[in-house]
Amino acid sequence: MSEYMTAEQGWVAISRHPRTGIGVAPVLWWELDEHGIKPLIKEPDGLMVEPGPHTRDVVRATPKAAFLLAAGYELEALVDRAVTDREFELIEEVRQLIKRAWRDG
């Protein structure tokens, strides 16, 4: 039998889908059962479900920190696809912007 606890504010599930890109969904509930603890997010149709298979992280973060972490995952995907020097130069520029935004916090 499962028990449910309301998640404290700030918990998010960050996903990176190959086709649709990055997603950040608030964790609204925790499900506790004999298998452990699972985060639950709300689907567009209103159902509470576990984050999907493309979930990279479930973290407690400020909105800015969650955004920057998601941007880092997107940047990682761009690096995997980049082939030209210009693409790598642009990736480095974006990396510096993310780094500056994190530092200036």
N, C-alpha and C. Protein backbone atom coordinates (compact mmCIF):
# COMPACT_ATOMS: atom_id res chain seq x y z
N MET A 1 0.84 -1.17 0.00
CA MET A 1 0.00 0.00 0.00
C MET A 1 0.89 1.25 0.00
N SER A 2 0.49 2.20 -0.76
CA SER A 2 1.26 3.44 -0.89
C SER A 2 0.77 4.51 0.07
N GLU A 3 1.71 5.35 0.48
CA GLU A 3 1.40 6.55 1.23
C GLU A 3 1.82 7.73 0.35
N TYR A 4 1.18 8.87 0.54
CA TYR A 4 1.50 10.04 -0.25
C TYR A 4 1.81 11.23 0.66
N MET A 5 2.83 11.97 0.28
CA MET A 5 3.22 13.18 1.01
C MET A 5 3.30 14.33 0.02
N THR A 6 2.83 15.48 0.43
CA THR A 6 2.96 16.67 -0.40
C THR A 6 4.43 17.06 -0.48
N ALA A 7 4.91 17.35 -1.67
CA ALA A 7 6.30 17.78 -1.85
C ALA A 7 6.44 19.23 -1.43
N GLU A 8 7.56 19.53 -0.79
CA GLU A 8 7.83 20.91 -0.45
C GLU A 8 8.10 21.71 -1.73
N GLN A 9 7.86 22.99 -1.65
CA GLN A 9 8.06 23.85 -2.81
C GLN A 9 9.51 23.80 -3.26
N GLY A 10 9.72 23.83 -4.57
CA GLY A 10 11.06 23.87 -5.13
C GLY A 10 11.53 22.57 -5.75
N TRP A 11 10.86 21.47 -5.48
CA TRP A 11 11.25 20.19 -6.09
C TRP A 11 10.79 20.17 -7.54
N VAL A 12 11.70 19.79 -8.45
CA VAL A 12 11.37 19.71 -9.88
C VAL A 12 11.99 18.47 -10.49
N ALA A 13 11.36 18.00 -11.55
CA ALA A 13 11.90 16.92 -12.37
C ALA A 13 12.35 17.54 -13.68
N ILE A 14 13.62 17.35 -14.01
CA ILE A 14 14.17 17.93 -15.24
C ILE A 14 14.39 16.79 -16.22
N SER A 15 13.80 16.93 -17.40
CA SER A 15 13.92 15.89 -18.42
C SER A 15 14.52 16.45 -19.69
N ARG A 16 15.08 15.54 -20.47
CA ARG A 16 15.64 15.92 -21.78
C ARG A 16 15.24 14.86 -22.78
N HIS A 17 14.24 15.16 -23.59
CA HIS A 17 13.74 14.23 -24.61
C HIS A 17 14.45 14.52 -25.93
N PRO A 18 14.88 13.49 -26.65
CA PRO A 18 15.60 13.71 -27.91
C PRO A 18 14.82 14.54 -28.93
N ARG A 19 13.50 14.41 -28.97
CA ARG A 19 12.71 15.15 -29.96
C ARG A 19 12.15 16.46 -29.44
N THR A 20 11.68 16.47 -28.21
CA THR A 20 10.98 17.66 -27.70
C THR A 20 11.86 18.57 -26.85
N GLY A 21 13.05 18.13 -26.52
CA GLY A 21 13.98 18.98 -25.77
C GLY A 21 13.79 18.92 -24.26
N ILE A 22 14.10 20.01 -23.63
CA ILE A 22 14.15 20.09 -22.17
C ILE A 22 12.77 20.34 -21.58
N GLY A 23 12.53 19.78 -20.42
CA GLY A 23 11.29 20.02 -19.69
C GLY A 23 11.58 20.12 -18.20
N VAL A 24 10.90 21.03 -17.54
CA VAL A 24 11.02 21.17 -16.08
C VAL A 24 9.60 21.12 -15.52
N ALA A 25 9.34 20.10 -14.70
CA ALA A 25 8.00 19.93 -14.13
C ALA A 25 8.08 19.92 -12.61
N PRO A 26 7.21 20.66 -11.93
CA PRO A 26 7.24 20.65 -10.47
C PRO A 26 6.82 19.29 -9.92
N VAL A 27 7.54 18.82 -8.91
CA VAL A 27 7.13 17.62 -8.18
C VAL A 27 6.09 18.07 -7.17
N LEU A 28 4.90 17.50 -7.24
CA LEU A 28 3.81 17.92 -6.37
C LEU A 28 3.60 16.97 -5.19
N TRP A 29 3.90 15.69 -5.42
CA TRP A 29 3.70 14.68 -4.38
C TRP A 29 4.86 13.70 -4.38
N TRP A 30 5.04 13.02 -3.26
CA TRP A 30 5.95 11.89 -3.15
C TRP A 30 5.10 10.66 -2.84
N GLU A 31 5.37 9.57 -3.54
CA GLU A 31 4.69 8.30 -3.26
C GLU A 31 5.68 7.39 -2.54
N LEU A 32 5.29 6.91 -1.37
CA LEU A 32 6.12 6.01 -0.57
C LEU A 32 5.47 4.64 -0.57
N ASP A 33 6.21 3.62 -1.02
CA ASP A 33 5.69 2.26 -1.00
C ASP A 33 6.82 1.29 -0.70
N GLU A 34 6.57 0.02 -0.84
CA GLU A 34 7.58 -1.00 -0.51
C GLU A 34 8.81 -0.94 -1.44
N HIS A 35 8.71 -0.23 -2.56
CA HIS A 35 9.82 -0.10 -3.50
C HIS A 35 10.65 1.16 -3.28
N GLY A 36 10.20 2.03 -2.39
CA GLY A 36 10.95 3.26 -2.13
C GLY A 36 10.08 4.50 -2.27
N ILE A 37 10.75 5.60 -2.61
CA ILE A 37 10.08 6.89 -2.74
C ILE A 37 10.13 7.33 -4.20
N LYS A 38 8.98 7.74 -4.73
CA LYS A 38 8.90 8.19 -6.13
C LYS A 38 8.29 9.58 -6.19
N PRO A 39 8.89 10.45 -7.01
CA PRO A 39 8.27 11.77 -7.21
C PRO A 39 7.07 11.64 -8.14
N LEU A 40 6.08 12.49 -7.95
CA LEU A 40 4.92 12.50 -8.84
C LEU A 40 4.73 13.92 -9.39
N ILE A 41 4.53 13.97 -10.70
CA ILE A 41 4.27 15.24 -11.38
C ILE A 41 2.89 15.16 -12.02
N LYS A 42 2.34 16.30 -12.40
CA LYS A 42 1.01 16.32 -13.02
C LYS A 42 1.16 16.34 -14.54
N GLU A 43 0.50 15.38 -15.20
CA GLU A 43 0.45 15.36 -16.67
C GLU A 43 -0.54 16.42 -17.14
N PRO A 44 -0.47 16.78 -18.45
CA PRO A 44 -1.42 17.78 -18.97
C PRO A 44 -2.89 17.40 -18.77
N ASP A 45 -3.19 16.08 -18.72
CA ASP A 45 -4.58 15.67 -18.53
C ASP A 45 -4.99 15.64 -17.05
N GLY A 46 -4.05 16.02 -16.16
CA GLY A 46 -4.38 16.13 -14.75
C GLY A 46 -3.98 14.93 -13.89
N LEU A 47 -3.56 13.84 -14.52
CA LEU A 47 -3.15 12.67 -13.76
C LEU A 47 -1.80 12.90 -13.09
N MET A 48 -1.63 12.35 -11.89
CA MET A 48 -0.36 12.41 -11.19
C MET A 48 0.42 11.15 -11.55
N VAL A 49 1.63 11.33 -12.12
CA VAL A 49 2.43 10.21 -12.60
C VAL A 49 3.89 10.40 -12.21
N GLU A 50 4.66 9.32 -12.30
CA GLU A 50 6.10 9.42 -12.14
C GLU A 50 6.67 10.14 -13.36
N PRO A 51 7.78 10.88 -13.18
CA PRO A 51 8.42 11.47 -14.36
C PRO A 51 8.83 10.37 -15.33
N GLY A 52 8.87 10.70 -16.61
CA GLY A 52 9.14 9.72 -17.66
C GLY A 52 10.58 9.23 -17.72
N PRO A 53 10.83 8.36 -18.68
CA PRO A 53 12.15 7.73 -18.80
C PRO A 53 13.26 8.69 -19.22
N HIS A 54 12.92 9.86 -19.69
CA HIS A 54 13.94 10.82 -20.12
C HIS A 54 14.32 11.79 -19.00
N THR A 55 13.87 11.51 -17.78
CA THR A 55 14.18 12.38 -16.64
C THR A 55 15.66 12.28 -16.32
N ARG A 56 16.30 13.44 -16.24
CA ARG A 56 17.74 13.49 -15.92
C ARG A 56 17.98 13.69 -14.44
N ASP A 57 17.13 14.50 -13.78
CA ASP A 57 17.33 14.83 -12.37
C ASP A 57 16.00 15.14 -11.71
N VAL A 58 15.93 14.85 -10.43
CA VAL A 58 14.87 15.35 -9.57
C VAL A 58 15.61 16.07 -8.45
N VAL A 59 15.44 17.38 -8.40
CA VAL A 59 16.21 18.21 -7.46
C VAL A 59 15.31 19.24 -6.80
N ARG A 60 15.80 19.74 -5.68
CA ARG A 60 15.13 20.88 -5.05
C ARG A 60 16.00 22.09 -5.37
N ALA A 61 15.41 23.06 -6.05
CA ALA A 61 16.19 24.20 -6.53
C ALA A 61 15.32 25.43 -6.64
N THR A 62 15.98 26.57 -6.66
CA THR A 62 15.26 27.81 -6.96
C THR A 62 14.86 27.75 -8.43
N PRO A 63 13.89 28.54 -8.85
CA PRO A 63 13.53 28.54 -10.27
C PRO A 63 14.73 28.84 -11.17
N LYS A 64 15.56 29.79 -10.76
CA LYS A 64 16.73 30.13 -11.58
C LYS A 64 17.70 28.96 -11.67
N ALA A 65 17.98 28.30 -10.55
CA ALA A 65 18.91 27.17 -10.56
C ALA A 65 18.37 26.03 -11.40
N ALA A 66 17.06 25.77 -11.32
CA ALA A 66 16.46 24.71 -12.14
C ALA A 66 16.57 25.05 -13.62
N PHE A 67 16.33 26.31 -13.96
CA PHE A 67 16.46 26.75 -15.35
C PHE A 67 17.90 26.57 -15.84
N LEU A 68 18.87 26.98 -15.02
CA LEU A 68 20.27 26.87 -15.44
C LEU A 68 20.71 25.41 -15.58
N LEU A 69 20.23 24.55 -14.70
CA LEU A 69 20.54 23.13 -14.82
C LEU A 69 19.94 22.56 -16.11
N ALA A 70 18.69 22.93 -16.39
CA ALA A 70 18.04 22.49 -17.63
C ALA A 70 18.80 23.02 -18.85
N ALA A 71 19.22 24.27 -18.79
CA ALA A 71 19.99 24.85 -19.90
C ALA A 71 21.31 24.10 -20.09
N GLY A 72 21.92 23.68 -19.00
CA GLY A 72 23.16 22.89 -19.10
C GLY A 72 22.93 21.56 -19.79
N TYR A 73 21.80 20.91 -19.50
CA TYR A 73 21.49 19.65 -20.19
C TYR A 73 21.24 19.87 -21.68
N GLU A 74 20.60 20.98 -22.01
CA GLU A 74 20.37 21.30 -23.42
C GLU A 74 21.70 21.58 -24.11
N LEU A 75 22.58 22.29 -23.43
CA LEU A 75 23.90 22.58 -23.97
C LEU A 75 24.68 21.29 -24.21
N GLU A 76 24.57 20.36 -23.28
CA GLU A 76 25.21 19.06 -23.43
C GLU A 76 24.72 18.34 -24.70
N ALA A 77 23.43 18.43 -24.97
CA ALA A 77 22.87 17.81 -26.17
C ALA A 77 23.39 18.49 -27.43
N LEU A 78 23.55 19.82 -27.37
CA LEU A 78 24.10 20.54 -28.52
C LEU A 78 25.54 20.11 -28.79
N VAL A 79 26.31 19.92 -27.75
CA VAL A 79 27.70 19.47 -27.91
C VAL A 79 27.73 18.11 -28.61
N ASP A 80 26.82 17.25 -28.24
CA ASP A 80 26.77 15.91 -28.85
C ASP A 80 26.47 15.97 -30.35
N ARG A 81 25.76 17.02 -30.79
CA ARG A 81 25.38 17.13 -32.20
C ARG A 81 26.30 18.03 -33.01
N ALA A 82 27.11 18.85 -32.35
CA ALA A 82 27.94 19.84 -33.06
C ALA A 82 29.04 19.15 -33.88
N VAL A 83 29.31 19.76 -35.05
CA VAL A 83 30.37 19.22 -35.91
C VAL A 83 31.30 20.30 -36.44
N THR A 84 30.82 21.52 -36.56
CA THR A 84 31.67 22.56 -37.14
C THR A 84 32.32 23.41 -36.05
N ASP A 85 33.41 24.06 -36.41
CA ASP A 85 34.07 24.95 -35.46
C ASP A 85 33.14 26.06 -35.01
N ARG A 86 32.34 26.60 -35.91
CA ARG A 86 31.40 27.68 -35.58
C ARG A 86 30.38 27.21 -34.55
N GLU A 87 29.88 25.99 -34.71
CA GLU A 87 28.93 25.46 -33.73
C GLU A 87 29.58 25.36 -32.34
N PHE A 88 30.81 24.90 -32.30
CA PHE A 88 31.51 24.79 -31.02
C PHE A 88 31.79 26.17 -30.42
N GLU A 89 32.08 27.16 -31.26
CA GLU A 89 32.28 28.53 -30.78
C GLU A 89 31.00 29.08 -30.15
N LEU A 90 29.87 28.86 -30.82
CA LEU A 90 28.59 29.32 -30.29
C LEU A 90 28.24 28.60 -28.99
N ILE A 91 28.53 27.33 -28.91
CA ILE A 91 28.29 26.56 -27.69
C ILE A 91 29.12 27.14 -26.54
N GLU A 92 30.35 27.49 -26.82
CA GLU A 92 31.21 28.08 -25.80
C GLU A 92 30.66 29.43 -25.33
N GLU A 93 30.12 30.21 -26.24
CA GLU A 93 29.52 31.49 -25.86
C GLU A 93 28.33 31.28 -24.93
N VAL A 94 27.50 30.30 -25.26
CA VAL A 94 26.34 30.01 -24.41
C VAL A 94 26.80 29.47 -23.06
N ARG A 95 27.83 28.64 -23.06
CA ARG A 95 28.36 28.11 -21.80
C ARG A 95 28.83 29.24 -20.89
N GLN A 96 29.48 30.22 -21.48
CA GLN A 96 29.94 31.37 -20.70
C GLN A 96 28.76 32.17 -20.14
N LEU A 97 27.70 32.31 -20.92
CA LEU A 97 26.50 33.01 -20.43
C LEU A 97 25.88 32.27 -19.24
N ILE A 98 25.78 30.96 -19.35
CA ILE A 98 25.23 30.16 -18.25
C ILE A 98 26.11 30.28 -17.02
N LYS A 99 27.40 30.19 -17.23
CA LYS A 99 28.35 30.29 -16.12
C LYS A 99 28.24 31.65 -15.42
N ARG A 100 28.13 32.72 -16.21
CA ARG A 100 28.00 34.07 -15.66
C ARG A 100 26.68 34.22 -14.91
N ALA A 101 25.60 33.68 -15.47
CA ALA A 101 24.29 33.78 -14.80
C ALA A 101 24.32 33.04 -13.48
N TRP A 102 24.98 31.91 -13.42
CA TRP A 102 25.08 31.14 -12.18
C TRP A 102 25.89 31.91 -11.13
N ARG A 103 27.02 32.47 -11.57
CA ARG A 103 27.91 33.19 -10.67
C ARG A 103 27.25 34.46 -10.13
N ASP A 104 26.52 35.16 -11.00
CA ASP A 104 25.89 36.42 -10.61
C ASP A 104 24.64 36.23 -9.77
N GLY A 105 24.22 34.96 -9.68
CA GLY A 105 23.13 34.48 -8.91
C GLY A 105 22.13 35.30 -8.33
